[in-house]
Amino acid sequence: MNHNINLKHGDSRKMDELTRKITERLETLRSVLQADGGDLEIVAIEGKTVKLKLRGACGGCPHAAMTIKGGLERILRDELDPEITIERVM
């Protein structure tokens, strides 16, 4: 998995910790996507913005936006930080 992690603002130690937590949580959520023939790739984490690609069955799924916003982003916001956003990279 490719991780280009760019920290922009704020205390880099705090952001490093958030980046680590985001990465770890997304890694655990990958198994859910993999069970349906999909996967995710973290392209970059820039502050509280996560850029990721959906792969396999998830890449072309018409429910991909719902998976990202209603699933992955909601979980990260509820569990880690309410300001986290996920952007899909094609």
PDB file of N, CA and C in Angstrom:
ATOM      1  N   MET A   1       0.844  -1.172   0.000  1.00  0.00           N
ATOM      2  CA  MET A   1       0.000   0.000   0.000  1.00  0.00           C
ATOM      3  C   MET A   1       0.885   1.229   0.000  1.00  0.00           C
ATOM      4  N   ASN A   2       0.522   2.180  -0.830  1.00  0.00           N
ATOM      5  CA  ASN A   2       1.277   3.417  -0.968  1.00  0.00           C
ATOM      6  C   ASN A   2       0.741   4.451   0.003  1.00  0.00           C
ATOM      7  N   HIS A   3       1.614   5.026   0.825  1.00  0.00           N
ATOM      8  CA  HIS A   3       1.190   6.078   1.753  1.00  0.00           C
ATOM      9  C   HIS A   3       2.070   7.303   1.522  1.00  0.00           C
ATOM     10  N   ASN A   4       1.494   8.356   0.968  1.00  0.00           N
ATOM     11  CA  ASN A   4       2.175   9.641   0.885  1.00  0.00           C
ATOM     12  C   ASN A   4       1.531  10.507   1.945  1.00  0.00           C
ATOM     13  N   ILE A   5       2.199  10.668   3.063  1.00  0.00           N
ATOM     14  CA  ILE A   5       1.610  11.384   4.182  1.00  0.00           C
ATOM     15  C   ILE A   5       2.248  12.760   4.269  1.00  0.00           C
ATOM     16  N   ASN A   6       1.430  13.785   4.077  1.00  0.00           N
ATOM     17  CA  ASN A   6       1.904  15.163   4.104  1.00  0.00           C
ATOM     18  C   ASN A   6       1.189  15.900   5.215  1.00  0.00           C
ATOM     19  N   LEU A   7       1.937  16.420   6.162  1.00  0.00           N
ATOM     20  CA  LEU A   7       1.353  17.182   7.255  1.00  0.00           C
ATOM     21  C   LEU A   7       1.463  18.662   6.912  1.00  0.00           C
ATOM     22  N   LYS A   8       0.361  19.401   7.107  1.00  0.00           N
ATOM     23  CA  LYS A   8       0.365  20.802   6.716  1.00  0.00           C
ATOM     24  C   LYS A   8       0.367  21.768   7.885  1.00  0.00           C
ATOM     25  N   HIS A   9      -0.612  21.674   8.771  1.00  0.00           N
ATOM     26  CA  HIS A   9      -0.771  22.693   9.810  1.00  0.00           C
ATOM     27  C   HIS A   9      -0.775  22.056  11.192  1.00  0.00           C
ATOM     28  N   GLY A  10      -0.495  22.899  12.170  1.00  0.00           N
ATOM     29  CA  GLY A  10      -0.641  22.457  13.553  1.00  0.00           C
ATOM     30  C   GLY A  10       0.557  21.703  14.075  1.00  0.00           C
ATOM     31  N   ASP A  11       0.404  21.193  15.243  1.00  0.00           N
ATOM     32  CA  ASP A  11       1.445  20.442  15.920  1.00  0.00           C
ATOM     33  C   ASP A  11       1.701  19.132  15.184  1.00  0.00           C
ATOM     34  N   SER A  12       2.899  18.979  14.626  1.00  0.00           N
ATOM     35  CA  SER A  12       3.187  17.798  13.813  1.00  0.00           C
ATOM     36  C   SER A  12       3.137  16.512  14.634  1.00  0.00           C
ATOM     37  N   ARG A  13       3.470  16.575  15.897  1.00  0.00           N
ATOM     38  CA  ARG A  13       3.397  15.387  16.744  1.00  0.00           C
ATOM     39  C   ARG A  13       1.942  14.923  16.902  1.00  0.00           C
ATOM     40  N   LYS A  14       1.049  15.876  17.110  1.00  0.00           N
ATOM     41  CA  LYS A  14      -0.378  15.570  17.233  1.00  0.00           C
ATOM     42  C   LYS A  14      -0.919  15.012  15.915  1.00  0.00           C
ATOM     43  N   MET A  15      -0.503  15.620  14.803  1.00  0.00           N
ATOM     44  CA  MET A  15      -0.942  15.162  13.493  1.00  0.00           C
ATOM     45  C   MET A  15      -0.346  13.792  13.165  1.00  0.00           C
ATOM     46  N   ASP A  16       0.906  13.556  13.567  1.00  0.00           N
ATOM     47  CA  ASP A  16       1.509  12.241  13.361  1.00  0.00           C
ATOM     48  C   ASP A  16       0.683  11.171  14.063  1.00  0.00           C
ATOM     49  N   GLU A  17       0.224  11.467  15.249  1.00  0.00           N
ATOM     50  CA  GLU A  17      -0.595  10.526  16.009  1.00  0.00           C
ATOM     51  C   GLU A  17      -1.936  10.307  15.304  1.00  0.00           C
ATOM     52  N   LEU A  18      -2.561  11.373  14.824  1.00  0.00           N
ATOM     53  CA  LEU A  18      -3.821  11.244  14.112  1.00  0.00           C
ATOM     54  C   LEU A  18      -3.618  10.456  12.818  1.00  0.00           C
ATOM     55  N   THR A  19      -2.553  10.746  12.098  1.00  0.00           N
ATOM     56  CA  THR A  19      -2.244  10.018  10.865  1.00  0.00           C
ATOM     57  C   THR A  19      -2.094   8.529  11.149  1.00  0.00           C
ATOM     58  N   ARG A  20      -1.410   8.196  12.216  1.00  0.00           N
ATOM     59  CA  ARG A  20      -1.221   6.793  12.591  1.00  0.00           C
ATOM     60  C   ARG A  20      -2.558   6.137  12.902  1.00  0.00           C
ATOM     61  N   LYS A  21      -3.403   6.840  13.655  1.00  0.00           N
ATOM     62  CA  LYS A  21      -4.709   6.290  14.017  1.00  0.00           C
ATOM     63  C   LYS A  21      -5.601   6.114  12.796  1.00  0.00           C
ATOM     64  N   ILE A  22      -5.591   7.086  11.885  1.00  0.00           N
ATOM     65  CA  ILE A  22      -6.379   6.979  10.658  1.00  0.00           C
ATOM     66  C   ILE A  22      -5.927   5.769   9.850  1.00  0.00           C
ATOM     67  N   THR A  23      -4.615   5.653   9.672  1.00  0.00           N
ATOM     68  CA  THR A  23      -4.064   4.538   8.896  1.00  0.00           C
ATOM     69  C   THR A  23      -4.439   3.201   9.516  1.00  0.00           C
ATOM     70  N   GLU A  24      -4.272   3.081  10.827  1.00  0.00           N
ATOM     71  CA  GLU A  24      -4.597   1.824  11.510  1.00  0.00           C
ATOM     72  C   GLU A  24      -6.073   1.486  11.375  1.00  0.00           C
ATOM     73  N   ARG A  25      -6.934   2.482  11.525  1.00  0.00           N
ATOM     74  CA  ARG A  25      -8.382   2.205  11.456  1.00  0.00           C
ATOM     75  C   ARG A  25      -8.797   1.812  10.040  1.00  0.00           C
ATOM     76  N   LEU A  26      -8.254   2.500   9.030  1.00  0.00           N
ATOM     77  CA  LEU A  26      -8.571   2.133   7.655  1.00  0.00           C
ATOM     78  C   LEU A  26      -8.061   0.734   7.318  1.00  0.00           C
ATOM     79  N   GLU A  27      -6.921   0.378   7.858  1.00  0.00           N
ATOM     80  CA  GLU A  27      -6.398  -0.980   7.638  1.00  0.00           C
ATOM     81  C   GLU A  27      -7.364  -2.024   8.192  1.00  0.00           C
ATOM     82  N   THR A  28      -7.966  -1.765   9.341  1.00  0.00           N
ATOM     83  CA  THR A  28      -8.908  -2.735   9.910  1.00  0.00           C
ATOM     84  C   THR A  28     -10.206  -2.777   9.101  1.00  0.00           C
ATOM     85  N   LEU A  29     -10.590  -1.656   8.497  1.00  0.00           N
ATOM     86  CA  LEU A  29     -11.813  -1.611   7.696  1.00  0.00           C
ATOM     87  C   LEU A  29     -11.640  -2.249   6.315  1.00  0.00           C
ATOM     88  N   ARG A  30     -10.414  -2.410   5.876  1.00  0.00           N
ATOM     89  CA  ARG A  30     -10.155  -3.025   4.567  1.00  0.00           C
ATOM     90  C   ARG A  30     -10.773  -4.408   4.466  1.00  0.00           C
ATOM     91  N   SER A  31     -10.782  -5.160   5.555  1.00  0.00           N
ATOM     92  CA  SER A  31     -11.304  -6.525   5.511  1.00  0.00           C
ATOM     93  C   SER A  31     -12.786  -6.552   5.125  1.00  0.00           C
ATOM     94  N   VAL A  32     -13.531  -5.528   5.514  1.00  0.00           N
ATOM     95  CA  VAL A  32     -14.952  -5.440   5.152  1.00  0.00           C
ATOM     96  C   VAL A  32     -15.085  -5.275   3.640  1.00  0.00           C
ATOM     97  N   LEU A  33     -14.276  -4.393   3.071  1.00  0.00           N
ATOM     98  CA  LEU A  33     -14.310  -4.182   1.621  1.00  0.00           C
ATOM     99  C   LEU A  33     -13.807  -5.422   0.882  1.00  0.00           C
ATOM    100  N   GLN A  34     -12.761  -6.044   1.401  1.00  0.00           N
ATOM    101  CA  GLN A  34     -12.196  -7.231   0.767  1.00  0.00           C
ATOM    102  C   GLN A  34     -13.185  -8.392   0.759  1.00  0.00           C
ATOM    103  N   ALA A  35     -14.038  -8.466   1.763  1.00  0.00           N
ATOM    104  CA  ALA A  35     -15.051  -9.532   1.819  1.00  0.00           C
ATOM    105  C   ALA A  35     -16.040  -9.413   0.660  1.00  0.00           C
ATOM    106  N   ASP A  36     -16.191  -8.207   0.104  1.00  0.00           N
ATOM    107  CA  ASP A  36     -17.080  -7.977  -1.038  1.00  0.00           C
ATOM    108  C   ASP A  36     -16.313  -7.867  -2.346  1.00  0.00           C
ATOM    109  N   GLY A  37     -15.046  -8.257  -2.350  1.00  0.00           N
ATOM    110  CA  GLY A  37     -14.242  -8.219  -3.572  1.00  0.00           C
ATOM    111  C   GLY A  37     -13.612  -6.878  -3.869  1.00  0.00           C
ATOM    112  N   GLY A  38     -13.598  -5.980  -2.906  1.00  0.00           N
ATOM    113  CA  GLY A  38     -13.016  -4.656  -3.102  1.00  0.00           C
ATOM    114  C   GLY A  38     -11.805  -4.445  -2.220  1.00  0.00           C
ATOM    115  N   ASP A  39     -11.316  -3.250  -2.225  1.00  0.00           N
ATOM    116  CA  ASP A  39     -10.174  -2.886  -1.392  1.00  0.00           C
ATOM    117  C   ASP A  39     -10.052  -1.370  -1.415  1.00  0.00           C
ATOM    118  N   LEU A  40      -9.153  -0.852  -0.593  1.00  0.00           N
ATOM    119  CA  LEU A  40      -8.867   0.575  -0.598  1.00  0.00           C
ATOM    120  C   LEU A  40      -7.370   0.783  -0.551  1.00  0.00           C
ATOM    121  N   GLU A  41      -6.950   1.904  -1.076  1.00  0.00           N
ATOM    122  CA  GLU A  41      -5.546   2.318  -1.047  1.00  0.00           C
ATOM    123  C   GLU A  41      -5.488   3.734  -0.525  1.00  0.00           C
ATOM    124  N   ILE A  42      -4.715   3.945   0.526  1.00  0.00           N
ATOM    125  CA  ILE A  42      -4.506   5.297   1.040  1.00  0.00           C
ATOM    126  C   ILE A  42      -3.477   5.964   0.130  1.00  0.00           C
ATOM    127  N   VAL A  43      -3.888   7.034  -0.539  1.00  0.00           N
ATOM    128  CA  VAL A  43      -3.000   7.754  -1.441  1.00  0.00           C
ATOM    129  C   VAL A  43      -2.219   8.807  -0.659  1.00  0.00           C
ATOM    130  N   ALA A  44      -2.904   9.534   0.220  1.00  0.00           N
ATOM    131  CA  ALA A  44      -2.258  10.579   1.015  1.00  0.00           C
ATOM    132  C   ALA A  44      -3.130  10.924   2.213  1.00  0.00           C
ATOM    133  N   ILE A  45      -2.462  11.365   3.257  1.00  0.00           N
ATOM    134  CA  ILE A  45      -3.154  11.948   4.400  1.00  0.00           C
ATOM    135  C   ILE A  45      -2.523  13.315   4.605  1.00  0.00           C
ATOM    136  N   GLU A  46      -3.332  14.349   4.391  1.00  0.00           N
ATOM    137  CA  GLU A  46      -2.864  15.726   4.502  1.00  0.00           C
ATOM    138  C   GLU A  46      -3.661  16.402   5.600  1.00  0.00           C
ATOM    139  N   GLY A  47      -3.080  16.457   6.775  1.00  0.00           N
ATOM    140  CA  GLY A  47      -3.810  17.004   7.917  1.00  0.00           C
ATOM    141  C   GLY A  47      -4.961  16.083   8.258  1.00  0.00           C
ATOM    142  N   LYS A  48      -6.178  16.608   8.135  1.00  0.00           N
ATOM    143  CA  LYS A  48      -7.372  15.810   8.443  1.00  0.00           C
ATOM    144  C   LYS A  48      -8.107  15.381   7.175  1.00  0.00           C
ATOM    145  N   THR A  49      -7.431  15.497   6.042  1.00  0.00           N
ATOM    146  CA  THR A  49      -7.992  15.068   4.764  1.00  0.00           C
ATOM    147  C   THR A  49      -7.300  13.792   4.321  1.00  0.00           C
ATOM    148  N   VAL A  50      -8.106  12.771   4.070  1.00  0.00           N
ATOM    149  CA  VAL A  50      -7.597  11.477   3.623  1.00  0.00           C
ATOM    150  C   VAL A  50      -7.972  11.314   2.165  1.00  0.00           C
ATOM    151  N   LYS A  51      -6.981  11.026   1.337  1.00  0.00           N
ATOM    152  CA  LYS A  51      -7.237  10.760  -0.079  1.00  0.00           C
ATOM    153  C   LYS A  51      -7.039   9.272  -0.304  1.00  0.00           C
ATOM    154  N   LEU A  52      -8.080   8.632  -0.853  1.00  0.00           N
ATOM    155  CA  LEU A  52      -7.953   7.198  -1.070  1.00  0.00           C
ATOM    156  C   LEU A  52      -8.594   6.764  -2.369  1.00  0.00           C
ATOM    157  N   LYS A  53      -8.138   5.612  -2.837  1.00  0.00           N
ATOM    158  CA  LYS A  53      -8.683   4.972  -4.027  1.00  0.00           C
ATOM    159  C   LYS A  53      -9.422   3.728  -3.591  1.00  0.00           C
ATOM    160  N   LEU A  54     -10.564   3.491  -4.212  1.00  0.00           N
ATOM    161  CA  LEU A  54     -11.258   2.232  -4.022  1.00  0.00           C
ATOM    162  C   LEU A  54     -10.836   1.321  -5.166  1.00  0.00           C
ATOM    163  N   ARG A  55     -10.567   0.074  -4.840  1.00  0.00           N
ATOM    164  CA  ARG A  55     -10.054  -0.893  -5.815  1.00  0.00           C
ATOM    165  C   ARG A  55     -11.028  -2.050  -5.977  1.00  0.00           C
ATOM    166  N   GLY A  56     -10.766  -2.871  -6.981  1.00  0.00           N
ATOM    167  CA  GLY A  56     -11.556  -4.076  -7.193  1.00  0.00           C
ATOM    168  C   GLY A  56     -13.020  -3.751  -7.415  1.00  0.00           C
ATOM    169  N   ALA A  57     -13.886  -4.560  -6.834  1.00  0.00           N
ATOM    170  CA  ALA A  57     -15.328  -4.369  -6.999  1.00  0.00           C
ATOM    171  C   ALA A  57     -15.776  -3.003  -6.493  1.00  0.00           C
ATOM    172  N   CYS A  58     -15.109  -2.464  -5.506  1.00  0.00           N
ATOM    173  CA  CYS A  58     -15.495  -1.156  -4.949  1.00  0.00           C
ATOM    174  C   CYS A  58     -15.172  -0.015  -5.911  1.00  0.00           C
ATOM    175  N   GLY A  59     -14.163  -0.204  -6.758  1.00  0.00           N
ATOM    176  CA  GLY A  59     -13.739   0.856  -7.664  1.00  0.00           C
ATOM    177  C   GLY A  59     -14.825   1.290  -8.630  1.00  0.00           C
ATOM    178  N   GLY A  60     -15.627   0.347  -9.112  1.00  0.00           N
ATOM    179  CA  GLY A  60     -16.669   0.679 -10.066  1.00  0.00           C
ATOM    180  C   GLY A  60     -18.073   0.577  -9.500  1.00  0.00           C
ATOM    181  N   CYS A  61     -18.171   0.405  -8.223  1.00  0.00           N
ATOM    182  CA  CYS A  61     -19.473   0.218  -7.585  1.00  0.00           C
ATOM    183  C   CYS A  61     -20.268   1.522  -7.568  1.00  0.00           C
ATOM    184  N   PRO A  62     -21.567   1.453  -7.913  1.00  0.00           N
ATOM    185  CA  PRO A  62     -22.371   2.675  -7.872  1.00  0.00           C
ATOM    186  C   PRO A  62     -22.592   3.201  -6.448  1.00  0.00           C
ATOM    187  N   HIS A  63     -22.271   2.413  -5.453  1.00  0.00           N
ATOM    188  CA  HIS A  63     -22.439   2.832  -4.053  1.00  0.00           C
ATOM    189  C   HIS A  63     -21.131   3.326  -3.435  1.00  0.00           C
ATOM    190  N   ALA A  64     -20.118   3.562  -4.260  1.00  0.00           N
ATOM    191  CA  ALA A  64     -18.799   3.956  -3.751  1.00  0.00           C
ATOM    192  C   ALA A  64     -18.857   5.234  -2.917  1.00  0.00           C
ATOM    193  N   ALA A  65     -19.600   6.232  -3.366  1.00  0.00           N
ATOM    194  CA  ALA A  65     -19.691   7.486  -2.609  1.00  0.00           C
ATOM    195  C   ALA A  65     -20.315   7.247  -1.245  1.00  0.00           C
ATOM    196  N   MET A  66     -21.314   6.385  -1.192  1.00  0.00           N
ATOM    197  CA  MET A  66     -21.947   6.066   0.086  1.00  0.00           C
ATOM    198  C   MET A  66     -20.979   5.296   0.990  1.00  0.00           C
ATOM    199  N   THR A  67     -20.188   4.412   0.400  1.00  0.00           N
ATOM    200  CA  THR A  67     -19.192   3.668   1.172  1.00  0.00           C
ATOM    201  C   THR A  67     -18.195   4.625   1.808  1.00  0.00           C
ATOM    202  N   ILE A  68     -17.769   5.613   1.043  1.00  0.00           N
ATOM    203  CA  ILE A  68     -16.781   6.568   1.560  1.00  0.00           C
ATOM    204  C   ILE A  68     -17.403   7.500   2.596  1.00  0.00           C
ATOM    205  N   LYS A  69     -18.461   8.206   2.234  1.00  0.00           N
ATOM    206  CA  LYS A  69     -19.029   9.231   3.126  1.00  0.00           C
ATOM    207  C   LYS A  69     -19.850   8.635   4.259  1.00  0.00           C
ATOM    208  N   GLY A  70     -20.710   7.691   3.952  1.00  0.00           N
ATOM    209  CA  GLY A  70     -21.601   7.127   4.962  1.00  0.00           C
ATOM    210  C   GLY A  70     -20.965   6.022   5.778  1.00  0.00           C
ATOM    211  N   GLY A  71     -19.873   5.479   5.277  1.00  0.00           N
ATOM    212  CA  GLY A  71     -19.213   4.393   5.976  1.00  0.00           C
ATOM    213  C   GLY A  71     -17.868   4.811   6.546  1.00  0.00           C
ATOM    214  N   LEU A  72     -16.854   4.842   5.691  1.00  0.00           N
ATOM    215  CA  LEU A  72     -15.475   5.090   6.137  1.00  0.00           C
ATOM    216  C   LEU A  72     -15.320   6.447   6.828  1.00  0.00           C
ATOM    217  N   GLU A  73     -15.795   7.516   6.184  1.00  0.00           N
ATOM    218  CA  GLU A  73     -15.642   8.851   6.770  1.00  0.00           C
ATOM    219  C   GLU A  73     -16.408   8.969   8.086  1.00  0.00           C
ATOM    220  N   ARG A  74     -17.623   8.454   8.121  1.00  0.00           N
ATOM    221  CA  ARG A  74     -18.425   8.522   9.346  1.00  0.00           C
ATOM    222  C   ARG A  74     -17.727   7.808  10.499  1.00  0.00           C
ATOM    223  N   ILE A  75     -17.159   6.650  10.229  1.00  0.00           N
ATOM    224  CA  ILE A  75     -16.453   5.896  11.276  1.00  0.00           C
ATOM    225  C   ILE A  75     -15.249   6.679  11.780  1.00  0.00           C
ATOM    226  N   LEU A  76     -14.447   7.220  10.865  1.00  0.00           N
ATOM    227  CA  LEU A  76     -13.268   7.990  11.284  1.00  0.00           C
ATOM    228  C   LEU A  76     -13.679   9.222  12.086  1.00  0.00           C
ATOM    229  N   ARG A  77     -14.751   9.894  11.664  1.00  0.00           N
ATOM    230  CA  ARG A  77     -15.227  11.082  12.393  1.00  0.00           C
ATOM    231  C   ARG A  77     -15.749  10.710  13.772  1.00  0.00           C
ATOM    232  N   ASP A  78     -16.530   9.643  13.850  1.00  0.00           N
ATOM    233  CA  ASP A  78     -17.097   9.227  15.138  1.00  0.00           C
ATOM    234  C   ASP A  78     -16.021   8.755  16.103  1.00  0.00           C
ATOM    235  N   GLU A  79     -15.032   8.040  15.595  1.00  0.00           N
ATOM    236  CA  GLU A  79     -14.041   7.410  16.471  1.00  0.00           C
ATOM    237  C   GLU A  79     -12.787   8.247  16.710  1.00  0.00           C
ATOM    238  N   LEU A  80     -12.408   9.095  15.739  1.00  0.00           N
ATOM    239  CA  LEU A  80     -11.116   9.772  15.855  1.00  0.00           C
ATOM    240  C   LEU A  80     -11.199  11.295  15.914  1.00  0.00           C
ATOM    241  N   ASP A  81     -11.895  11.914  14.949  1.00  0.00           N
ATOM    242  CA  ASP A  81     -11.942  13.377  14.897  1.00  0.00           C
ATOM    243  C   ASP A  81     -13.094  13.795  13.983  1.00  0.00           C
ATOM    244  N   PRO A  82     -13.990  14.648  14.458  1.00  0.00           N
ATOM    245  CA  PRO A  82     -15.155  15.035  13.661  1.00  0.00           C
ATOM    246  C   PRO A  82     -14.829  15.881  12.427  1.00  0.00           C
ATOM    247  N   GLU A  83     -13.591  16.324  12.280  1.00  0.00           N
ATOM    248  CA  GLU A  83     -13.216  17.159  11.140  1.00  0.00           C
ATOM    249  C   GLU A  83     -12.554  16.373  10.010  1.00  0.00           C
ATOM    250  N   ILE A  84     -12.405  15.071  10.157  1.00  0.00           N
ATOM    251  CA  ILE A  84     -11.774  14.252   9.117  1.00  0.00           C
ATOM    252  C   ILE A  84     -12.688  14.206   7.892  1.00  0.00           C
ATOM    253  N   THR A  85     -12.091  14.369   6.718  1.00  0.00           N
ATOM    254  CA  THR A  85     -12.816  14.195   5.459  1.00  0.00           C
ATOM    255  C   THR A  85     -12.053  13.201   4.583  1.00  0.00           C
ATOM    256  N   ILE A  86     -12.801  12.479   3.789  1.00  0.00           N
ATOM    257  CA  ILE A  86     -12.193  11.546   2.835  1.00  0.00           C
ATOM    258  C   ILE A  86     -12.544  12.032   1.437  1.00  0.00           C
ATOM    259  N   GLU A  87     -11.525  12.105   0.602  1.00  0.00           N
ATOM    260  CA  GLU A  87     -11.702  12.445  -0.801  1.00  0.00           C
ATOM    261  C   GLU A  87     -11.316  11.227  -1.630  1.00  0.00           C
ATOM    262  N   ARG A  88     -12.175  10.897  -2.575  1.00  0.00           N
ATOM    263  CA  ARG A  88     -11.889   9.767  -3.458  1.00  0.00           C
ATOM    264  C   ARG A  88     -10.996  10.215  -4.600  1.00  0.00           C
ATOM    265  N   VAL A  89      -9.934   9.476  -4.822  1.00  0.00           N
ATOM    266  CA  VAL A  89      -9.010   9.723  -5.915  1.00  0.00           C
ATOM    267  C   VAL A  89      -9.246   8.629  -6.948  1.00  0.00           C
ATOM    268  N   MET A  90      -9.371   9.025  -8.194  1.00  0.00           N
ATOM    269  CA  MET A  90      -9.621   8.040  -9.258  1.00  0.00           C
ATOM    270  C   MET A  90      -8.329   7.512  -9.830  1.00  0.00           C
TER     271      MET A  90
END
